[in-house]
Amino acid sequence: MLSRDVLCDEFLYDEHFTFIEMPPKPPVKHNPKVFDGKRISITRRDDGTLRPNFKPMNVGKGFSLARYIWEVCVELCNGLTGLIEER
């Protein structure tokens, strides 16, 4: 923080400033992960809503779309079990 010691609009003298070093603020963790799988992760927002997030897809040799979709479905079911009520 840098502050001017004397407040004056007239610059007829040498101004003096004081520098105070503030300790760094600790980081604030937003949207903590409540589930972390191979294909998706689920985070909880500040308002309590859940957000599924896809992880990067490795579309290379041997990639199967049907297998990928099945793994995402299984992870969504596993990740949301216990987090939401069924009606």
PDB file of N, CA and C in Angstrom:
ATOM      1  N   MET A   1       0.850  -1.157   0.000  1.00  0.00           N
ATOM      2  CA  MET A   1       0.000   0.000   0.000  1.00  0.00           C
ATOM      3  C   MET A   1       0.901   1.228   0.000  1.00  0.00           C
ATOM      4  N   LEU A   2       0.604   2.187  -0.817  1.00  0.00           N
ATOM      5  CA  LEU A   2       1.356   3.422  -0.898  1.00  0.00           C
ATOM      6  C   LEU A   2       0.414   4.559  -0.516  1.00  0.00           C
ATOM      7  N   SER A   3       0.811   5.353   0.477  1.00  0.00           N
ATOM      8  CA  SER A   3      -0.048   6.458   0.898  1.00  0.00           C
ATOM      9  C   SER A   3       0.759   7.738   1.001  1.00  0.00           C
ATOM     10  N   ARG A   4       0.081   8.840   0.701  1.00  0.00           N
ATOM     11  CA  ARG A   4       0.713  10.155   0.809  1.00  0.00           C
ATOM     12  C   ARG A   4       0.511  10.643   2.235  1.00  0.00           C
ATOM     13  N   ASP A   5       1.589  11.084   2.870  1.00  0.00           N
ATOM     14  CA  ASP A   5       1.519  11.485   4.271  1.00  0.00           C
ATOM     15  C   ASP A   5       0.795  12.815   4.471  1.00  0.00           C
ATOM     16  N   VAL A   6       0.996  13.764   3.589  1.00  0.00           N
ATOM     17  CA  VAL A   6       0.369  15.076   3.720  1.00  0.00           C
ATOM     18  C   VAL A   6      -0.477  15.314   2.477  1.00  0.00           C
ATOM     19  N   LEU A   7      -1.739  15.629   2.700  1.00  0.00           N
ATOM     20  CA  LEU A   7      -2.625  15.902   1.584  1.00  0.00           C
ATOM     21  C   LEU A   7      -2.640  17.403   1.334  1.00  0.00           C
ATOM     22  N   CYS A   8      -2.180  17.822   0.179  1.00  0.00           N
ATOM     23  CA  CYS A   8      -2.164  19.232  -0.172  1.00  0.00           C
ATOM     24  C   CYS A   8      -2.172  19.333  -1.687  1.00  0.00           C
ATOM     25  N   ASP A   9      -2.998  20.224  -2.202  1.00  0.00           N
ATOM     26  CA  ASP A   9      -3.071  20.391  -3.647  1.00  0.00           C
ATOM     27  C   ASP A   9      -1.958  21.278  -4.190  1.00  0.00           C
ATOM     28  N   GLU A  10      -1.353  22.058  -3.320  1.00  0.00           N
ATOM     29  CA  GLU A  10      -0.260  22.921  -3.749  1.00  0.00           C
ATOM     30  C   GLU A  10       1.048  22.145  -3.639  1.00  0.00           C
ATOM     31  N   PHE A  11       1.823  22.150  -4.671  1.00  0.00           N
ATOM     32  CA  PHE A  11       3.063  21.391  -4.688  1.00  0.00           C
ATOM     33  C   PHE A  11       4.253  22.313  -4.425  1.00  0.00           C
ATOM     34  N   LEU A  12       4.240  22.986  -3.283  1.00  0.00           N
ATOM     35  CA  LEU A  12       5.292  23.929  -2.921  1.00  0.00           C
ATOM     36  C   LEU A  12       6.371  23.268  -2.062  1.00  0.00           C
ATOM     37  N   TYR A  13       6.246  22.025  -1.765  1.00  0.00           N
ATOM     38  CA  TYR A  13       7.197  21.326  -0.919  1.00  0.00           C
ATOM     39  C   TYR A  13       7.379  19.906  -1.446  1.00  0.00           C
ATOM     40  N   ASP A  14       8.375  19.218  -0.945  1.00  0.00           N
ATOM     41  CA  ASP A  14       8.593  17.822  -1.332  1.00  0.00           C
ATOM     42  C   ASP A  14       7.580  16.952  -0.609  1.00  0.00           C
ATOM     43  N   GLU A  15       6.860  16.191  -1.392  1.00  0.00           N
ATOM     44  CA  GLU A  15       5.871  15.302  -0.775  1.00  0.00           C
ATOM     45  C   GLU A  15       6.567  14.086  -0.186  1.00  0.00           C
ATOM     46  N   HIS A  16       5.931  13.508   0.801  1.00  0.00           N
ATOM     47  CA  HIS A  16       6.479  12.316   1.445  1.00  0.00           C
ATOM     48  C   HIS A  16       5.436  11.204   1.372  1.00  0.00           C
ATOM     49  N   PHE A  17       5.890  10.057   0.921  1.00  0.00           N
ATOM     50  CA  PHE A  17       5.004   8.908   0.804  1.00  0.00           C
ATOM     51  C   PHE A  17       5.488   7.795   1.721  1.00  0.00           C
ATOM     52  N   THR A  18       4.540   6.996   2.192  1.00  0.00           N
ATOM     53  CA  THR A  18       4.868   5.856   3.040  1.00  0.00           C
ATOM     54  C   THR A  18       4.417   4.583   2.327  1.00  0.00           C
ATOM     55  N   PHE A  19       5.308   3.620   2.248  1.00  0.00           N
ATOM     56  CA  PHE A  19       5.001   2.331   1.639  1.00  0.00           C
ATOM     57  C   PHE A  19       4.872   1.292   2.744  1.00  0.00           C
ATOM     58  N   ILE A  20       3.747   0.595   2.758  1.00  0.00           N
ATOM     59  CA  ILE A  20       3.502  -0.474   3.739  1.00  0.00           C
ATOM     60  C   ILE A  20       3.258  -1.750   2.945  1.00  0.00           C
ATOM     61  N   GLU A  21       4.085  -2.756   3.193  1.00  0.00           N
ATOM     62  CA  GLU A  21       3.921  -4.030   2.503  1.00  0.00           C
ATOM     63  C   GLU A  21       2.902  -4.878   3.241  1.00  0.00           C
ATOM     64  N   MET A  22       1.895  -5.309   2.506  1.00  0.00           N
ATOM     65  CA  MET A  22       0.831  -6.121   3.088  1.00  0.00           C
ATOM     66  C   MET A  22       1.144  -7.597   2.830  1.00  0.00           C
ATOM     67  N   PRO A  23       0.816  -8.465   3.779  1.00  0.00           N
ATOM     68  CA  PRO A  23       1.045  -9.897   3.530  1.00  0.00           C
ATOM     69  C   PRO A  23       0.106 -10.378   2.429  1.00  0.00           C
ATOM     70  N   PRO A  24       0.541 -11.348   1.629  1.00  0.00           N
ATOM     71  CA  PRO A  24      -0.323 -11.840   0.545  1.00  0.00           C
ATOM     72  C   PRO A  24      -1.569 -12.504   1.106  1.00  0.00           C
ATOM     73  N   LYS A  25      -2.664 -12.324   0.400  1.00  0.00           N
ATOM     74  CA  LYS A  25      -3.918 -12.942   0.819  1.00  0.00           C
ATOM     75  C   LYS A  25      -3.898 -14.415   0.436  1.00  0.00           C
ATOM     76  N   PRO A  26      -4.419 -15.262   1.291  1.00  0.00           N
ATOM     77  CA  PRO A  26      -4.460 -16.685   0.930  1.00  0.00           C
ATOM     78  C   PRO A  26      -5.436 -16.899  -0.228  1.00  0.00           C
ATOM     79  N   PRO A  27      -5.124 -17.842  -1.114  1.00  0.00           N
ATOM     80  CA  PRO A  27      -6.038 -18.082  -2.241  1.00  0.00           C
ATOM     81  C   PRO A  27      -7.374 -18.630  -1.759  1.00  0.00           C
ATOM     82  N   VAL A  28      -8.423 -18.221  -2.439  1.00  0.00           N
ATOM     83  CA  VAL A  28      -9.768 -18.685  -2.115  1.00  0.00           C
ATOM     84  C   VAL A  28     -10.155 -19.749  -3.136  1.00  0.00           C
ATOM     85  N   LYS A  29     -10.510 -20.915  -2.636  1.00  0.00           N
ATOM     86  CA  LYS A  29     -10.902 -22.021  -3.512  1.00  0.00           C
ATOM     87  C   LYS A  29     -12.369 -21.869  -3.875  1.00  0.00           C
ATOM     88  N   HIS A  30     -12.627 -21.659  -5.171  1.00  0.00           N
ATOM     89  CA  HIS A  30     -13.992 -21.557  -5.660  1.00  0.00           C
ATOM     90  C   HIS A  30     -14.371 -22.864  -6.336  1.00  0.00           C
ATOM     91  N   ASN A  31     -15.629 -23.183  -6.268  1.00  0.00           N
ATOM     92  CA  ASN A  31     -16.184 -24.356  -6.940  1.00  0.00           C
ATOM     93  C   ASN A  31     -15.378 -25.625  -6.654  1.00  0.00           C
ATOM     94  N   PRO A  32     -15.414 -26.099  -5.417  1.00  0.00           N
ATOM     95  CA  PRO A  32     -14.649 -27.308  -5.092  1.00  0.00           C
ATOM     96  C   PRO A  32     -15.187 -28.534  -5.823  1.00  0.00           C
ATOM     97  N   LYS A  33     -14.276 -29.452  -6.143  1.00  0.00           N
ATOM     98  CA  LYS A  33     -14.669 -30.694  -6.807  1.00  0.00           C
ATOM     99  C   LYS A  33     -15.326 -31.614  -5.783  1.00  0.00           C
ATOM    100  N   VAL A  34     -16.480 -32.151  -6.152  1.00  0.00           N
ATOM    101  CA  VAL A  34     -17.147 -33.139  -5.305  1.00  0.00           C
ATOM    102  C   VAL A  34     -17.035 -34.530  -5.910  1.00  0.00           C
ATOM    103  N   PHE A  35     -16.604 -34.611  -7.184  1.00  0.00           N
ATOM    104  CA  PHE A  35     -16.347 -35.885  -7.842  1.00  0.00           C
ATOM    105  C   PHE A  35     -15.267 -35.654  -8.889  1.00  0.00           C
ATOM    106  N   ASP A  36     -14.300 -36.570  -8.943  1.00  0.00           N
ATOM    107  CA  ASP A  36     -13.216 -36.457  -9.918  1.00  0.00           C
ATOM    108  C   ASP A  36     -13.003 -37.823 -10.550  1.00  0.00           C
ATOM    109  N   GLY A  37     -13.532 -37.989 -11.760  1.00  0.00           N
ATOM    110  CA  GLY A  37     -13.422 -39.256 -12.466  1.00  0.00           C
ATOM    111  C   GLY A  37     -12.422 -39.190 -13.599  1.00  0.00           C
ATOM    112  N   LYS A  38     -12.405 -40.245 -14.405  1.00  0.00           N
ATOM    113  CA  LYS A  38     -11.491 -40.326 -15.539  1.00  0.00           C
ATOM    114  C   LYS A  38     -11.970 -39.448 -16.700  1.00  0.00           C
ATOM    115  N   ARG A  39     -13.267 -39.377 -16.912  1.00  0.00           N
ATOM    116  CA  ARG A  39     -13.842 -38.649 -18.041  1.00  0.00           C
ATOM    117  C   ARG A  39     -14.472 -37.312 -17.654  1.00  0.00           C
ATOM    118  N   ILE A  40     -15.023 -37.205 -16.431  1.00  0.00           N
ATOM    119  CA  ILE A  40     -15.687 -35.974 -15.988  1.00  0.00           C
ATOM    120  C   ILE A  40     -15.292 -35.655 -14.556  1.00  0.00           C
ATOM    121  N   SER A  41     -15.553 -34.418 -14.172  1.00  0.00           N
ATOM    122  CA  SER A  41     -15.494 -34.029 -12.762  1.00  0.00           C
ATOM    123  C   SER A  41     -16.771 -33.245 -12.481  1.00  0.00           C
ATOM    124  N   ILE A  42     -17.166 -33.212 -11.227  1.00  0.00           N
ATOM    125  CA  ILE A  42     -18.362 -32.476 -10.828  1.00  0.00           C
ATOM    126  C   ILE A  42     -17.940 -31.483  -9.760  1.00  0.00           C
ATOM    127  N   THR A  43     -18.308 -30.213  -9.969  1.00  0.00           N
ATOM    128  CA  THR A  43     -17.993 -29.167  -9.000  1.00  0.00           C
ATOM    129  C   THR A  43     -19.287 -28.607  -8.423  1.00  0.00           C
ATOM    130  N   ARG A  44     -19.159 -28.050  -7.207  1.00  0.00           N
ATOM    131  CA  ARG A  44     -20.302 -27.405  -6.565  1.00  0.00           C
ATOM    132  C   ARG A  44     -20.050 -25.907  -6.566  1.00  0.00           C
ATOM    133  N   ARG A  45     -20.973 -25.148  -7.124  1.00  0.00           N
ATOM    134  CA  ARG A  45     -20.846 -23.691  -7.175  1.00  0.00           C
ATOM    135  C   ARG A  45     -21.219 -23.071  -5.836  1.00  0.00           C
ATOM    136  N   ASP A  46     -20.939 -21.788  -5.697  1.00  0.00           N
ATOM    137  CA  ASP A  46     -21.225 -21.083  -4.439  1.00  0.00           C
ATOM    138  C   ASP A  46     -22.709 -21.108  -4.080  1.00  0.00           C
ATOM    139  N   ASP A  47     -23.588 -21.148  -5.098  1.00  0.00           N
ATOM    140  CA  ASP A  47     -25.026 -21.166  -4.827  1.00  0.00           C
ATOM    141  C   ASP A  47     -25.558 -22.580  -4.577  1.00  0.00           C
ATOM    142  N   GLY A  48     -24.676 -23.586  -4.556  1.00  0.00           N
ATOM    143  CA  GLY A  48     -25.069 -24.957  -4.242  1.00  0.00           C
ATOM    144  C   GLY A  48     -25.382 -25.819  -5.451  1.00  0.00           C
ATOM    145  N   THR A  49     -25.426 -25.246  -6.640  1.00  0.00           N
ATOM    146  CA  THR A  49     -25.718 -26.039  -7.828  1.00  0.00           C
ATOM    147  C   THR A  49     -24.499 -26.875  -8.217  1.00  0.00           C
ATOM    148  N   LEU A  50     -24.778 -28.002  -8.850  1.00  0.00           N
ATOM    149  CA  LEU A  50     -23.723 -28.904  -9.289  1.00  0.00           C
ATOM    150  C   LEU A  50     -23.459 -28.679 -10.770  1.00  0.00           C
ATOM    151  N   ARG A  51     -22.186 -28.781 -11.161  1.00  0.00           N
ATOM    152  CA  ARG A  51     -21.826 -28.582 -12.563  1.00  0.00           C
ATOM    153  C   ARG A  51     -20.913 -29.715 -13.019  1.00  0.00           C
ATOM    154  N   PRO A  52     -21.372 -30.552 -13.963  1.00  0.00           N
ATOM    155  CA  PRO A  52     -20.478 -31.561 -14.541  1.00  0.00           C
ATOM    156  C   PRO A  52     -19.549 -30.907 -15.565  1.00  0.00           C
ATOM    157  N   ASN A  53     -18.282 -31.284 -15.526  1.00  0.00           N
ATOM    158  CA  ASN A  53     -17.266 -30.743 -16.431  1.00  0.00           C
ATOM    159  C   ASN A  53     -16.589 -31.900 -17.156  1.00  0.00           C
ATOM    160  N   PHE A  54     -16.522 -31.832 -18.469  1.00  0.00           N
ATOM    161  CA  PHE A  54     -15.842 -32.857 -19.244  1.00  0.00           C
ATOM    162  C   PHE A  54     -14.344 -32.623 -19.215  1.00  0.00           C
ATOM    163  N   LYS A  55     -13.592 -33.704 -19.108  1.00  0.00           N
ATOM    164  CA  LYS A  55     -12.143 -33.636 -19.208  1.00  0.00           C
ATOM    165  C   LYS A  55     -11.758 -33.791 -20.680  1.00  0.00           C
ATOM    166  N   PRO A  56     -10.545 -33.383 -21.066  1.00  0.00           N
ATOM    167  CA  PRO A  56     -10.142 -33.500 -22.473  1.00  0.00           C
ATOM    168  C   PRO A  56     -10.232 -34.945 -22.975  1.00  0.00           C
ATOM    169  N   MET A  57     -10.742 -35.087 -24.205  1.00  0.00           N
ATOM    170  CA  MET A  57     -10.872 -36.416 -24.827  1.00  0.00           C
ATOM    171  C   MET A  57      -9.604 -36.722 -25.610  1.00  0.00           C
ATOM    172  N   ASN A  58      -9.128 -37.928 -25.457  1.00  0.00           N
ATOM    173  CA  ASN A  58      -7.997 -38.399 -26.250  1.00  0.00           C
ATOM    174  C   ASN A  58      -8.555 -39.249 -27.389  1.00  0.00           C
ATOM    175  N   VAL A  59      -8.791 -38.604 -28.534  1.00  0.00           N
ATOM    176  CA  VAL A  59      -9.357 -39.300 -29.689  1.00  0.00           C
ATOM    177  C   VAL A  59      -8.194 -39.781 -30.541  1.00  0.00           C
ATOM    178  N   GLY A  60      -7.695 -40.923 -30.194  1.00  0.00           N
ATOM    179  CA  GLY A  60      -6.563 -41.490 -30.920  1.00  0.00           C
ATOM    180  C   GLY A  60      -6.907 -42.878 -31.413  1.00  0.00           C
ATOM    181  N   LYS A  61      -5.870 -43.633 -31.665  1.00  0.00           N
ATOM    182  CA  LYS A  61      -6.052 -45.005 -32.134  1.00  0.00           C
ATOM    183  C   LYS A  61      -6.751 -45.819 -31.050  1.00  0.00           C
ATOM    184  N   GLY A  62      -7.747 -46.554 -31.436  1.00  0.00           N
ATOM    185  CA  GLY A  62      -8.481 -47.395 -30.499  1.00  0.00           C
ATOM    186  C   GLY A  62      -9.616 -46.678 -29.795  1.00  0.00           C
ATOM    187  N   PHE A  63      -9.892 -45.410 -30.126  1.00  0.00           N
ATOM    188  CA  PHE A  63     -10.982 -44.672 -29.494  1.00  0.00           C
ATOM    189  C   PHE A  63     -12.314 -45.224 -29.971  1.00  0.00           C
ATOM    190  N   SER A  64     -13.193 -45.478 -29.036  1.00  0.00           N
ATOM    191  CA  SER A  64     -14.530 -45.977 -29.343  1.00  0.00           C
ATOM    192  C   SER A  64     -15.542 -44.988 -28.776  1.00  0.00           C
ATOM    193  N   LEU A  65     -16.357 -44.424 -29.653  1.00  0.00           N
ATOM    194  CA  LEU A  65     -17.358 -43.457 -29.220  1.00  0.00           C
ATOM    195  C   LEU A  65     -18.366 -44.097 -28.269  1.00  0.00           C
ATOM    196  N   ALA A  66     -18.807 -45.304 -28.588  1.00  0.00           N
ATOM    197  CA  ALA A  66     -19.773 -45.991 -27.730  1.00  0.00           C
ATOM    198  C   ALA A  66     -19.186 -46.237 -26.338  1.00  0.00           C
ATOM    199  N   ARG A  67     -17.924 -46.651 -26.282  1.00  0.00           N
ATOM    200  CA  ARG A  67     -17.265 -46.887 -24.997  1.00  0.00           C
ATOM    201  C   ARG A  67     -17.121 -45.586 -24.199  1.00  0.00           C
ATOM    202  N   TYR A  68     -16.754 -44.494 -24.880  1.00  0.00           N
ATOM    203  CA  TYR A  68     -16.605 -43.197 -24.234  1.00  0.00           C
ATOM    204  C   TYR A  68     -17.942 -42.735 -23.634  1.00  0.00           C
ATOM    205  N   ILE A  69     -19.003 -42.834 -24.436  1.00  0.00           N
ATOM    206  CA  ILE A  69     -20.326 -42.426 -23.962  1.00  0.00           C
ATOM    207  C   ILE A  69     -20.744 -43.257 -22.761  1.00  0.00           C
ATOM    208  N   TRP A  70     -20.477 -44.557 -22.801  1.00  0.00           N
ATOM    209  CA  TRP A  70     -20.823 -45.435 -21.683  1.00  0.00           C
ATOM    210  C   TRP A  70     -20.046 -45.036 -20.421  1.00  0.00           C
ATOM    211  N   GLU A  71     -18.755 -44.754 -20.556  1.00  0.00           N
ATOM    212  CA  GLU A  71     -17.945 -44.368 -19.394  1.00  0.00           C
ATOM    213  C   GLU A  71     -18.417 -43.039 -18.795  1.00  0.00           C
ATOM    214  N   VAL A  72     -18.806 -42.090 -19.658  1.00  0.00           N
ATOM    215  CA  VAL A  72     -19.338 -40.815 -19.158  1.00  0.00           C
ATOM    216  C   VAL A  72     -20.647 -41.045 -18.408  1.00  0.00           C
ATOM    217  N   CYS A  73     -21.504 -41.883 -18.955  1.00  0.00           N
ATOM    218  CA  CYS A  73     -22.783 -42.187 -18.306  1.00  0.00           C
ATOM    219  C   CYS A  73     -22.580 -42.818 -16.935  1.00  0.00           C
ATOM    220  N   VAL A  74     -21.672 -43.792 -16.862  1.00  0.00           N
ATOM    221  CA  VAL A  74     -21.394 -44.470 -15.587  1.00  0.00           C
ATOM    222  C   VAL A  74     -20.825 -43.484 -14.571  1.00  0.00           C
ATOM    223  N   GLU A  75     -19.908 -42.623 -15.013  1.00  0.00           N
ATOM    224  CA  GLU A  75     -19.322 -41.648 -14.087  1.00  0.00           C
ATOM    225  C   GLU A  75     -20.349 -40.632 -13.606  1.00  0.00           C
ATOM    226  N   LEU A  76     -21.252 -40.203 -14.490  1.00  0.00           N
ATOM    227  CA  LEU A  76     -22.311 -39.283 -14.056  1.00  0.00           C
ATOM    228  C   LEU A  76     -23.193 -39.936 -12.996  1.00  0.00           C
ATOM    229  N   CYS A  77     -23.564 -41.179 -13.228  1.00  0.00           N
ATOM    230  CA  CYS A  77     -24.396 -41.890 -12.244  1.00  0.00           C
ATOM    231  C   CYS A  77     -23.660 -42.046 -10.920  1.00  0.00           C
ATOM    232  N   ASN A  78     -22.395 -42.457 -10.983  1.00  0.00           N
ATOM    233  CA  ASN A  78     -21.619 -42.636  -9.748  1.00  0.00           C
ATOM    234  C   ASN A  78     -21.373 -41.306  -9.041  1.00  0.00           C
ATOM    235  N   GLY A  79     -21.064 -40.276  -9.802  1.00  0.00           N
ATOM    236  CA  GLY A  79     -20.749 -38.981  -9.216  1.00  0.00           C
ATOM    237  C   GLY A  79     -21.941 -38.297  -8.586  1.00  0.00           C
ATOM    238  N   LEU A  80     -23.109 -38.455  -9.184  1.00  0.00           N
ATOM    239  CA  LEU A  80     -24.293 -37.784  -8.666  1.00  0.00           C
ATOM    240  C   LEU A  80     -25.013 -38.582  -7.595  1.00  0.00           C
ATOM    241  N   THR A  81     -24.674 -39.870  -7.439  1.00  0.00           N
ATOM    242  CA  THR A  81     -25.298 -40.674  -6.398  1.00  0.00           C
ATOM    243  C   THR A  81     -24.922 -40.106  -5.037  1.00  0.00           C
ATOM    244  N   GLY A  82     -25.904 -39.792  -4.247  1.00  0.00           N
ATOM    245  CA  GLY A  82     -25.669 -39.232  -2.922  1.00  0.00           C
ATOM    246  C   GLY A  82     -25.588 -37.724  -2.906  1.00  0.00           C
ATOM    247  N   LEU A  83     -25.429 -37.092  -4.078  1.00  0.00           N
ATOM    248  CA  LEU A  83     -25.363 -35.639  -4.128  1.00  0.00           C
ATOM    249  C   LEU A  83     -26.725 -35.005  -4.376  1.00  0.00           C
ATOM    250  N   ILE A  84     -27.600 -35.748  -5.051  1.00  0.00           N
ATOM    251  CA  ILE A  84     -28.946 -35.221  -5.329  1.00  0.00           C
ATOM    252  C   ILE A  84     -29.975 -36.234  -4.879  1.00  0.00           C
ATOM    253  N   GLU A  85     -31.161 -35.738  -4.560  1.00  0.00           N
ATOM    254  CA  GLU A  85     -32.265 -36.609  -4.143  1.00  0.00           C
ATOM    255  C   GLU A  85     -33.068 -37.037  -5.369  1.00  0.00           C
ATOM    256  N   GLU A  86     -33.451 -38.300  -5.394  1.00  0.00           N
ATOM    257  CA  GLU A  86     -34.340 -38.762  -6.465  1.00  0.00           C
ATOM    258  C   GLU A  86     -35.762 -38.526  -6.032  1.00  0.00           C
ATOM    259  N   ARG A  87     -36.591 -38.105  -6.952  1.00  0.00           N
ATOM    260  CA  ARG A  87     -37.991 -37.795  -6.606  1.00  0.00           C
ATOM    261  C   ARG A  87     -38.928 -38.769  -7.236  1.00  0.00           C
TER     262      ARG A  87
END
